[in-house]
Amino acid sequence: MASAKPKKKNPRLASGRKRARQDVKLNAANTSLRSKYRTAVKNVEKAVLAGDKTKASELFATMQAVVDTIADKGIFHKNKAARDKSRLSTKVKALALAA
């Protein structure tokens, strides 16, 4: 029972209270975008594993747009976004060459 989270104290200053309210909203937005990023990457990987060349290339195009926007917002580092795009593009290209 000792592992329960300690209760957070409310900030005294009005600016601190406002910052806490904003942080809740920002955290929810970032969590949603992070989930969107991971889902887009996962969908491309599933299409590649299934061997569906056309679907994989379509999903890859949409995934690139999602990854770029989220990297621009700073939710994931730009290098991580570039690395994910590069790895998936090689998988999609290998799928196209195999067919």
PDB file of N, CA and C in Angstrom:
ATOM      1  N   MET A   1       0.802  -1.203   0.000  1.00  0.00           N
ATOM      2  CA  MET A   1       0.000   0.000   0.000  1.00  0.00           C
ATOM      3  C   MET A   1       0.845   1.267   0.000  1.00  0.00           C
ATOM      4  N   ALA A   2       2.118   1.137   0.258  1.00  0.00           N
ATOM      5  CA  ALA A   2       2.982   2.307   0.331  1.00  0.00           C
ATOM      6  C   ALA A   2       3.311   2.853  -1.052  1.00  0.00           C
ATOM      7  N   SER A   3       3.015   2.101  -2.096  1.00  0.00           N
ATOM      8  CA  SER A   3       3.364   2.529  -3.448  1.00  0.00           C
ATOM      9  C   SER A   3       2.328   3.451  -4.081  1.00  0.00           C
ATOM     10  N   ALA A   4       1.329   3.879  -3.318  1.00  0.00           N
ATOM     11  CA  ALA A   4       0.320   4.784  -3.866  1.00  0.00           C
ATOM     12  C   ALA A   4       0.954   6.127  -4.193  1.00  0.00           C
ATOM     13  N   LYS A   5       0.430   6.765  -5.245  1.00  0.00           N
ATOM     14  CA  LYS A   5       0.977   8.051  -5.666  1.00  0.00           C
ATOM     15  C   LYS A   5       0.720   9.107  -4.594  1.00  0.00           C
ATOM     16  N   PRO A   6       1.717   9.932  -4.294  1.00  0.00           N
ATOM     17  CA  PRO A   6       1.468  11.014  -3.335  1.00  0.00           C
ATOM     18  C   PRO A   6       0.542  12.050  -3.957  1.00  0.00           C
ATOM     19  N   LYS A   7      -0.313  12.621  -3.140  1.00  0.00           N
ATOM     20  CA  LYS A   7      -1.266  13.609  -3.635  1.00  0.00           C
ATOM     21  C   LYS A   7      -0.535  14.899  -3.971  1.00  0.00           C
ATOM     22  N   LYS A   8      -0.824  15.438  -5.157  1.00  0.00           N
ATOM     23  CA  LYS A   8      -0.176  16.669  -5.580  1.00  0.00           C
ATOM     24  C   LYS A   8      -0.826  17.860  -4.896  1.00  0.00           C
ATOM     25  N   LYS A   9       0.021  18.819  -4.537  1.00  0.00           N
ATOM     26  CA  LYS A   9      -0.497  20.033  -3.907  1.00  0.00           C
ATOM     27  C   LYS A   9      -0.916  21.024  -4.982  1.00  0.00           C
ATOM     28  N   ASN A  10      -1.918  21.814  -4.694  1.00  0.00           N
ATOM     29  CA  ASN A  10      -2.359  22.850  -5.625  1.00  0.00           C
ATOM     30  C   ASN A  10      -1.417  24.042  -5.526  1.00  0.00           C
ATOM     31  N   PRO A  11      -1.084  24.624  -6.653  1.00  0.00           N
ATOM     32  CA  PRO A  11      -0.228  25.814  -6.615  1.00  0.00           C
ATOM     33  C   PRO A  11      -0.937  26.981  -5.925  1.00  0.00           C
ATOM     34  N   ARG A  12      -0.170  27.814  -5.256  1.00  0.00           N
ATOM     35  CA  ARG A  12      -0.752  28.959  -4.547  1.00  0.00           C
ATOM     36  C   ARG A  12      -1.063  30.107  -5.495  1.00  0.00           C
ATOM     37  N   LEU A  13      -0.149  30.386  -6.392  1.00  0.00           N
ATOM     38  CA  LEU A  13      -0.315  31.542  -7.275  1.00  0.00           C
ATOM     39  C   LEU A  13      -1.315  31.253  -8.385  1.00  0.00           C
ATOM     40  N   ALA A  14      -2.007  32.281  -8.809  1.00  0.00           N
ATOM     41  CA  ALA A  14      -2.995  32.134  -9.881  1.00  0.00           C
ATOM     42  C   ALA A  14      -2.322  31.678 -11.175  1.00  0.00           C
ATOM     43  N   SER A  15      -1.123  32.195 -11.425  1.00  0.00           N
ATOM     44  CA  SER A  15      -0.412  31.803 -12.647  1.00  0.00           C
ATOM     45  C   SER A  15      -0.044  30.324 -12.595  1.00  0.00           C
ATOM     46  N   GLY A  16       0.282  29.831 -11.404  1.00  0.00           N
ATOM     47  CA  GLY A  16       0.599  28.411 -11.255  1.00  0.00           C
ATOM     48  C   GLY A  16      -0.624  27.532 -11.442  1.00  0.00           C
ATOM     49  N   ARG A  17      -1.768  27.998 -10.928  1.00  0.00           N
ATOM     50  CA  ARG A  17      -3.009  27.233 -11.108  1.00  0.00           C
ATOM     51  C   ARG A  17      -3.397  27.178 -12.582  1.00  0.00           C
ATOM     52  N   LYS A  18      -3.238  28.309 -13.281  1.00  0.00           N
ATOM     53  CA  LYS A  18      -3.547  28.344 -14.710  1.00  0.00           C
ATOM     54  C   LYS A  18      -2.610  27.411 -15.470  1.00  0.00           C
ATOM     55  N   ARG A  19      -1.323  27.439 -15.104  1.00  0.00           N
ATOM     56  CA  ARG A  19      -0.337  26.578 -15.766  1.00  0.00           C
ATOM     57  C   ARG A  19      -0.708  25.115 -15.572  1.00  0.00           C
ATOM     58  N   ALA A  20      -1.189  24.742 -14.387  1.00  0.00           N
ATOM     59  CA  ALA A  20      -1.585  23.364 -14.117  1.00  0.00           C
ATOM     60  C   ALA A  20      -2.784  22.972 -14.983  1.00  0.00           C
ATOM     61  N   ARG A  21      -3.749  23.897 -15.136  1.00  0.00           N
ATOM     62  CA  ARG A  21      -4.900  23.612 -16.001  1.00  0.00           C
ATOM     63  C   ARG A  21      -4.454  23.422 -17.443  1.00  0.00           C
ATOM     64  N   GLN A  22      -3.539  24.284 -17.901  1.00  0.00           N
ATOM     65  CA  GLN A  22      -3.057  24.186 -19.273  1.00  0.00           C
ATOM     66  C   GLN A  22      -2.285  22.884 -19.491  1.00  0.00           C
ATOM     67  N   ASP A  23      -1.517  22.475 -18.479  1.00  0.00           N
ATOM     68  CA  ASP A  23      -0.734  21.249 -18.595  1.00  0.00           C
ATOM     69  C   ASP A  23      -1.620  20.029 -18.784  1.00  0.00           C
ATOM     70  N   VAL A  24      -2.768  20.023 -18.130  1.00  0.00           N
ATOM     71  CA  VAL A  24      -3.693  18.892 -18.276  1.00  0.00           C
ATOM     72  C   VAL A  24      -4.177  18.799 -19.716  1.00  0.00           C
ATOM     73  N   LYS A  25      -4.548  19.945 -20.295  1.00  0.00           N
ATOM     74  CA  LYS A  25      -5.038  19.960 -21.677  1.00  0.00           C
ATOM     75  C   LYS A  25      -3.934  19.586 -22.654  1.00  0.00           C
ATOM     76  N   LEU A  26      -2.746  20.128 -22.435  1.00  0.00           N
ATOM     77  CA  LEU A  26      -1.620  19.858 -23.318  1.00  0.00           C
ATOM     78  C   LEU A  26      -1.209  18.395 -23.263  1.00  0.00           C
ATOM     79  N   ASN A  27      -1.239  17.834 -22.055  1.00  0.00           N
ATOM     80  CA  ASN A  27      -0.886  16.430 -21.882  1.00  0.00           C
ATOM     81  C   ASN A  27      -1.867  15.535 -22.639  1.00  0.00           C
ATOM     82  N   ALA A  28      -3.148  15.868 -22.579  1.00  0.00           N
ATOM     83  CA  ALA A  28      -4.160  15.077 -23.291  1.00  0.00           C
ATOM     84  C   ALA A  28      -3.953  15.168 -24.800  1.00  0.00           C
ATOM     85  N   ALA A  29      -3.645  16.368 -25.288  1.00  0.00           N
ATOM     86  CA  ALA A  29      -3.434  16.547 -26.727  1.00  0.00           C
ATOM     87  C   ALA A  29      -2.198  15.791 -27.194  1.00  0.00           C
ATOM     88  N   ASN A  30      -1.109  15.883 -26.420  1.00  0.00           N
ATOM     89  CA  ASN A  30       0.120  15.188 -26.792  1.00  0.00           C
ATOM     90  C   ASN A  30      -0.054  13.678 -26.762  1.00  0.00           C
ATOM     91  N   THR A  31      -0.798  13.178 -25.773  1.00  0.00           N
ATOM     92  CA  THR A  31      -1.049  11.741 -25.679  1.00  0.00           C
ATOM     93  C   THR A  31      -1.826  11.256 -26.891  1.00  0.00           C
ATOM     94  N   SER A  32      -2.811  12.030 -27.315  1.00  0.00           N
ATOM     95  CA  SER A  32      -3.605  11.675 -28.481  1.00  0.00           C
ATOM     96  C   SER A  32      -2.741  11.633 -29.744  1.00  0.00           C
ATOM     97  N   LEU A  33      -1.895  12.651 -29.918  1.00  0.00           N
ATOM     98  CA  LEU A  33      -1.040  12.689 -31.107  1.00  0.00           C
ATOM     99  C   LEU A  33      -0.002  11.569 -31.095  1.00  0.00           C
ATOM    100  N   ARG A  34       0.538  11.261 -29.907  1.00  0.00           N
ATOM    101  CA  ARG A  34       1.507  10.177 -29.789  1.00  0.00           C
ATOM    102  C   ARG A  34       0.862   8.847 -30.174  1.00  0.00           C
ATOM    103  N   SER A  35      -0.386   8.667 -29.772  1.00  0.00           N
ATOM    104  CA  SER A  35      -1.121   7.462 -30.117  1.00  0.00           C
ATOM    105  C   SER A  35      -1.371   7.388 -31.624  1.00  0.00           C
ATOM    106  N   LYS A  36      -1.701   8.523 -32.230  1.00  0.00           N
ATOM    107  CA  LYS A  36      -1.941   8.590 -33.673  1.00  0.00           C
ATOM    108  C   LYS A  36      -0.678   8.200 -34.438  1.00  0.00           C
ATOM    109  N   TYR A  37       0.472   8.677 -33.971  1.00  0.00           N
ATOM    110  CA  TYR A  37       1.781   8.363 -34.575  1.00  0.00           C
ATOM    111  C   TYR A  37       2.024   6.856 -34.544  1.00  0.00           C
ATOM    112  N   ARG A  38       1.878   6.285 -33.354  1.00  0.00           N
ATOM    113  CA  ARG A  38       2.163   4.860 -33.185  1.00  0.00           C
ATOM    114  C   ARG A  38       1.200   4.000 -33.985  1.00  0.00           C
ATOM    115  N   THR A  39      -0.056   4.407 -34.071  1.00  0.00           N
ATOM    116  CA  THR A  39      -1.049   3.654 -34.837  1.00  0.00           C
ATOM    117  C   THR A  39      -0.708   3.689 -36.328  1.00  0.00           C
ATOM    118  N   ALA A  40      -0.286   4.846 -36.822  1.00  0.00           N
ATOM    119  CA  ALA A  40       0.060   4.970 -38.244  1.00  0.00           C
ATOM    120  C   ALA A  40       1.246   4.067 -38.584  1.00  0.00           C
ATOM    121  N   VAL A  41       2.254   4.044 -37.714  1.00  0.00           N
ATOM    122  CA  VAL A  41       3.424   3.197 -37.944  1.00  0.00           C
ATOM    123  C   VAL A  41       3.023   1.727 -37.889  1.00  0.00           C
ATOM    124  N   LYS A  42       2.198   1.387 -36.919  1.00  0.00           N
ATOM    125  CA  LYS A  42       1.776  -0.001 -36.736  1.00  0.00           C
ATOM    126  C   LYS A  42       0.964  -0.494 -37.932  1.00  0.00           C
ATOM    127  N   ASN A  43       0.122   0.366 -38.499  1.00  0.00           N
ATOM    128  CA  ASN A  43      -0.688  -0.035 -39.649  1.00  0.00           C
ATOM    129  C   ASN A  43       0.182  -0.358 -40.860  1.00  0.00           C
ATOM    130  N   VAL A  44       1.239   0.420 -41.074  1.00  0.00           N
ATOM    131  CA  VAL A  44       2.147   0.148 -42.190  1.00  0.00           C
ATOM    132  C   VAL A  44       2.856  -1.187 -41.963  1.00  0.00           C
ATOM    133  N   GLU A  45       3.318  -1.416 -40.736  1.00  0.00           N
ATOM    134  CA  GLU A  45       4.015  -2.668 -40.436  1.00  0.00           C
ATOM    135  C   GLU A  45       3.100  -3.877 -40.639  1.00  0.00           C
ATOM    136  N   LYS A  46       1.845  -3.746 -40.255  1.00  0.00           N
ATOM    137  CA  LYS A  46       0.892  -4.844 -40.451  1.00  0.00           C
ATOM    138  C   LYS A  46       0.684  -5.134 -41.934  1.00  0.00           C
ATOM    139  N   ALA A  47       0.571  -4.076 -42.735  1.00  0.00           N
ATOM    140  CA  ALA A  47       0.370  -4.257 -44.176  1.00  0.00           C
ATOM    141  C   ALA A  47       1.593  -4.908 -44.807  1.00  0.00           C
ATOM    142  N   VAL A  48       2.786  -4.546 -44.333  1.00  0.00           N
ATOM    143  CA  VAL A  48       4.013  -5.144 -44.865  1.00  0.00           C
ATOM    144  C   VAL A  48       4.065  -6.625 -44.496  1.00  0.00           C
ATOM    145  N   LEU A  49       3.724  -6.957 -43.268  1.00  0.00           N
ATOM    146  CA  LEU A  49       3.732  -8.361 -42.847  1.00  0.00           C
ATOM    147  C   LEU A  49       2.697  -9.189 -43.607  1.00  0.00           C
ATOM    148  N   ALA A  50       1.567  -8.555 -43.919  1.00  0.00           N
ATOM    149  CA  ALA A  50       0.525  -9.257 -44.673  1.00  0.00           C
ATOM    150  C   ALA A  50       0.929  -9.433 -46.137  1.00  0.00           C
ATOM    151  N   GLY A  51       1.906  -8.640 -46.597  1.00  0.00           N
ATOM    152  CA  GLY A  51       2.368  -8.750 -47.977  1.00  0.00           C
ATOM    153  C   GLY A  51       1.526  -7.965 -48.964  1.00  0.00           C
ATOM    154  N   ASP A  52       0.697  -7.062 -48.479  1.00  0.00           N
ATOM    155  CA  ASP A  52      -0.169  -6.258 -49.346  1.00  0.00           C
ATOM    156  C   ASP A  52       0.597  -5.012 -49.801  1.00  0.00           C
ATOM    157  N   LYS A  53       1.114  -5.077 -51.025  1.00  0.00           N
ATOM    158  CA  LYS A  53       1.988  -4.017 -51.541  1.00  0.00           C
ATOM    159  C   LYS A  53       1.261  -2.692 -51.708  1.00  0.00           C
ATOM    160  N   THR A  54       0.080  -2.698 -52.303  1.00  0.00           N
ATOM    161  CA  THR A  54      -0.631  -1.448 -52.574  1.00  0.00           C
ATOM    162  C   THR A  54      -1.103  -0.781 -51.286  1.00  0.00           C
ATOM    163  N   LYS A  55      -1.645  -1.590 -50.386  1.00  0.00           N
ATOM    164  CA  LYS A  55      -2.121  -1.033 -49.120  1.00  0.00           C
ATOM    165  C   LYS A  55      -0.957  -0.487 -48.299  1.00  0.00           C
ATOM    166  N   ALA A  56       0.172  -1.179 -48.320  1.00  0.00           N
ATOM    167  CA  ALA A  56       1.340  -0.730 -47.567  1.00  0.00           C
ATOM    168  C   ALA A  56       1.840   0.611 -48.097  1.00  0.00           C
ATOM    169  N   SER A  57       1.858   0.766 -49.416  1.00  0.00           N
ATOM    170  CA  SER A  57       2.342   2.034 -49.979  1.00  0.00           C
ATOM    171  C   SER A  57       1.376   3.180 -49.692  1.00  0.00           C
ATOM    172  N   GLU A  58       0.063   2.906 -49.712  1.00  0.00           N
ATOM    173  CA  GLU A  58      -0.922   3.932 -49.373  1.00  0.00           C
ATOM    174  C   GLU A  58      -0.789   4.357 -47.914  1.00  0.00           C
ATOM    175  N   LEU A  59      -0.707   3.362 -47.026  1.00  0.00           N
ATOM    176  CA  LEU A  59      -0.585   3.652 -45.604  1.00  0.00           C
ATOM    177  C   LEU A  59       0.729   4.353 -45.292  1.00  0.00           C
ATOM    178  N   PHE A  60       1.778   4.014 -46.058  1.00  0.00           N
ATOM    179  CA  PHE A  60       3.067   4.662 -45.841  1.00  0.00           C
ATOM    180  C   PHE A  60       2.989   6.154 -46.169  1.00  0.00           C
ATOM    181  N   ALA A  61       2.269   6.488 -47.221  1.00  0.00           N
ATOM    182  CA  ALA A  61       2.130   7.899 -47.594  1.00  0.00           C
ATOM    183  C   ALA A  61       1.397   8.683 -46.501  1.00  0.00           C
ATOM    184  N   THR A  62       0.331   8.106 -45.957  1.00  0.00           N
ATOM    185  CA  THR A  62      -0.394   8.790 -44.884  1.00  0.00           C
ATOM    186  C   THR A  62       0.445   8.830 -43.607  1.00  0.00           C
ATOM    187  N   MET A  63       1.215   7.765 -43.371  1.00  0.00           N
ATOM    188  CA  MET A  63       2.062   7.712 -42.184  1.00  0.00           C
ATOM    189  C   MET A  63       3.127   8.797 -42.230  1.00  0.00           C
ATOM    190  N   GLN A  64       3.672   9.060 -43.410  1.00  0.00           N
ATOM    191  CA  GLN A  64       4.699  10.094 -43.537  1.00  0.00           C
ATOM    192  C   GLN A  64       4.153  11.460 -43.112  1.00  0.00           C
ATOM    193  N   ALA A  65       2.944  11.766 -43.526  1.00  0.00           N
ATOM    194  CA  ALA A  65       2.351  13.060 -43.175  1.00  0.00           C
ATOM    195  C   ALA A  65       2.143  13.161 -41.662  1.00  0.00           C
ATOM    196  N   VAL A  66       1.652  12.088 -41.062  1.00  0.00           N
ATOM    197  CA  VAL A  66       1.411  12.087 -39.617  1.00  0.00           C
ATOM    198  C   VAL A  66       2.728  12.242 -38.863  1.00  0.00           C
ATOM    199  N   VAL A  67       3.740  11.497 -39.284  1.00  0.00           N
ATOM    200  CA  VAL A  67       5.036  11.524 -38.607  1.00  0.00           C
ATOM    201  C   VAL A  67       5.666  12.910 -38.718  1.00  0.00           C
ATOM    202  N   ASP A  68       5.581  13.517 -39.883  1.00  0.00           N
ATOM    203  CA  ASP A  68       6.184  14.838 -40.070  1.00  0.00           C
ATOM    204  C   ASP A  68       5.506  15.899 -39.204  1.00  0.00           C
ATOM    205  N   THR A  69       4.180  15.884 -39.156  1.00  0.00           N
ATOM    206  CA  THR A  69       3.489  16.897 -38.364  1.00  0.00           C
ATOM    207  C   THR A  69       3.797  16.733 -36.879  1.00  0.00           C
ATOM    208  N   ILE A  70       3.866  15.500 -36.408  1.00  0.00           N
ATOM    209  CA  ILE A  70       4.117  15.267 -34.992  1.00  0.00           C
ATOM    210  C   ILE A  70       5.559  15.594 -34.639  1.00  0.00           C
ATOM    211  N   ALA A  71       6.483  15.342 -35.554  1.00  0.00           N
ATOM    212  CA  ALA A  71       7.877  15.723 -35.315  1.00  0.00           C
ATOM    213  C   ALA A  71       8.018  17.243 -35.302  1.00  0.00           C
ATOM    214  N   ASP A  72       7.280  17.931 -36.166  1.00  0.00           N
ATOM    215  CA  ASP A  72       7.338  19.398 -36.189  1.00  0.00           C
ATOM    216  C   ASP A  72       6.801  20.004 -34.890  1.00  0.00           C
ATOM    217  N   LYS A  73       5.814  19.345 -34.293  1.00  0.00           N
ATOM    218  CA  LYS A  73       5.261  19.831 -33.032  1.00  0.00           C
ATOM    219  C   LYS A  73       6.178  19.525 -31.854  1.00  0.00           C
ATOM    220  N   GLY A  74       7.169  18.663 -32.067  1.00  0.00           N
ATOM    221  CA  GLY A  74       8.131  18.370 -31.008  1.00  0.00           C
ATOM    222  C   GLY A  74       7.704  17.263 -30.073  1.00  0.00           C
ATOM    223  N   ILE A  75       6.679  16.511 -30.436  1.00  0.00           N
ATOM    224  CA  ILE A  75       6.219  15.433 -29.566  1.00  0.00           C
ATOM    225  C   ILE A  75       7.196  14.264 -29.625  1.00  0.00           C
ATOM    226  N   PHE A  76       7.688  13.961 -30.810  1.00  0.00           N
ATOM    227  CA  PHE A  76       8.799  13.030 -30.978  1.00  0.00           C
ATOM    228  C   PHE A  76       9.935  13.798 -31.627  1.00  0.00           C
ATOM    229  N   HIS A  77      11.149  13.379 -31.359  1.00  0.00           N
ATOM    230  CA  HIS A  77      12.320  14.045 -31.930  1.00  0.00           C
ATOM    231  C   HIS A  77      12.338  13.837 -33.442  1.00  0.00           C
ATOM    232  N   LYS A  78      12.850  14.824 -34.156  1.00  0.00           N
ATOM    233  CA  LYS A  78      12.894  14.749 -35.619  1.00  0.00           C
ATOM    234  C   LYS A  78      13.727  13.557 -36.094  1.00  0.00           C
ATOM    235  N   ASN A  79      14.790  13.235 -35.378  1.00  0.00           N
ATOM    236  CA  ASN A  79      15.625  12.096 -35.778  1.00  0.00           C
ATOM    237  C   ASN A  79      14.876  10.777 -35.620  1.00  0.00           C
ATOM    238  N   LYS A  80      14.058  10.655 -34.580  1.00  0.00           N
ATOM    239  CA  LYS A  80      13.268   9.441 -34.394  1.00  0.00           C
ATOM    240  C   LYS A  80      12.254   9.306 -35.531  1.00  0.00           C
ATOM    241  N   ALA A  81      11.642  10.415 -35.897  1.00  0.00           N
ATOM    242  CA  ALA A  81      10.674  10.394 -36.988  1.00  0.00           C
ATOM    243  C   ALA A  81      11.353   9.987 -38.289  1.00  0.00           C
ATOM    244  N   ALA A  82      12.529  10.554 -38.561  1.00  0.00           N
ATOM    245  CA  ALA A  82      13.267  10.219 -39.782  1.00  0.00           C
ATOM    246  C   ALA A  82      13.682   8.753 -39.769  1.00  0.00           C
ATOM    247  N   ARG A  83      14.094   8.269 -38.617  1.00  0.00           N
ATOM    248  CA  ARG A  83      14.507   6.869 -38.506  1.00  0.00           C
ATOM    249  C   ARG A  83      13.340   5.925 -38.774  1.00  0.00           C
ATOM    250  N   ASP A  84      12.175   6.231 -38.195  1.00  0.00           N
ATOM    251  CA  ASP A  84      10.995   5.390 -38.413  1.00  0.00           C
ATOM    252  C   ASP A  84      10.578   5.397 -39.880  1.00  0.00           C
ATOM    253  N   LYS A  85      10.592   6.581 -40.498  1.00  0.00           N
ATOM    254  CA  LYS A  85      10.227   6.673 -41.921  1.00  0.00           C
ATOM    255  C   LYS A  85      11.202   5.889 -42.780  1.00  0.00           C
ATOM    256  N   SER A  86      12.479   5.992 -42.474  1.00  0.00           N
ATOM    257  CA  SER A  86      13.499   5.305 -43.260  1.00  0.00           C
ATOM    258  C   SER A  86      13.340   3.794 -43.161  1.00  0.00           C
ATOM    259  N   ARG A  87      13.156   3.303 -41.957  1.00  0.00           N
ATOM    260  CA  ARG A  87      13.025   1.856 -41.761  1.00  0.00           C
ATOM    261  C   ARG A  87      11.780   1.308 -42.452  1.00  0.00           C
ATOM    262  N   LEU A  88      10.685   2.038 -42.356  1.00  0.00           N
ATOM    263  CA  LEU A  88       9.462   1.566 -42.998  1.00  0.00           C
ATOM    264  C   LEU A  88       9.542   1.684 -44.513  1.00  0.00           C
ATOM    265  N   SER A  89      10.212   2.707 -45.017  1.00  0.00           N
ATOM    266  CA  SER A  89      10.328   2.842 -46.463  1.00  0.00           C
ATOM    267  C   SER A  89      11.143   1.690 -47.046  1.00  0.00           C
ATOM    268  N   THR A  90      12.190   1.249 -46.342  1.00  0.00           N
ATOM    269  CA  THR A  90      12.950   0.111 -46.829  1.00  0.00           C
ATOM    270  C   THR A  90      12.118  -1.158 -46.827  1.00  0.00           C
ATOM    271  N   LYS A  91      11.259  -1.314 -45.825  1.00  0.00           N
ATOM    272  CA  LYS A  91      10.385  -2.496 -45.788  1.00  0.00           C
ATOM    273  C   LYS A  91       9.374  -2.462 -46.931  1.00  0.00           C
ATOM    274  N   VAL A  92       8.803  -1.291 -47.202  1.00  0.00           N
ATOM    275  CA  VAL A  92       7.818  -1.166 -48.284  1.00  0.00           C
ATOM    276  C   VAL A  92       8.495  -1.388 -49.638  1.00  0.00           C
ATOM    277  N   LYS A  93       9.701  -0.838 -49.812  1.00  0.00           N
ATOM    278  CA  LYS A  93      10.428  -1.024 -51.072  1.00  0.00           C
ATOM    279  C   LYS A  93      10.812  -2.482 -51.272  1.00  0.00           C
ATOM    280  N   ALA A  94      11.214  -3.159 -50.208  1.00  0.00           N
ATOM    281  CA  ALA A  94      11.573  -4.574 -50.302  1.00  0.00           C
ATOM    282  C   ALA A  94      10.341  -5.391 -50.690  1.00  0.00           C
ATOM    283  N   LEU A  95       9.193  -4.997 -50.168  1.00  0.00           N
ATOM    284  CA  LEU A  95       7.943  -5.690 -50.500  1.00  0.00           C
ATOM    285  C   LEU A  95       7.624  -5.489 -51.978  1.00  0.00           C
ATOM    286  N   ALA A  96       7.845  -4.289 -52.484  1.00  0.00           N
ATOM    287  CA  ALA A  96       7.569  -3.994 -53.894  1.00  0.00           C
ATOM    288  C   ALA A  96       8.522  -4.751 -54.803  1.00  0.00           C
ATOM    289  N   LEU A  97       9.792  -4.862 -54.392  1.00  0.00           N
ATOM    290  CA  LEU A  97      10.772  -5.584 -55.209  1.00  0.00           C
ATOM    291  C   LEU A  97      10.527  -7.092 -55.202  1.00  0.00           C
ATOM    292  N   ALA A  98      10.030  -7.608 -54.095  1.00  0.00           N
ATOM    293  CA  ALA A  98       9.778  -9.042 -53.989  1.00  0.00           C
ATOM    294  C   ALA A  98       8.614  -9.476 -54.859  1.00  0.00           C
ATOM    295  N   ALA A  99       7.689  -8.576 -55.096  1.00  0.00           N
ATOM    296  CA  ALA A  99       6.491  -8.930 -55.882  1.00  0.00           C
ATOM    297  C   ALA A  99       6.760  -8.934 -57.379  1.00  0.00           C
TER     298      ALA A  99
END
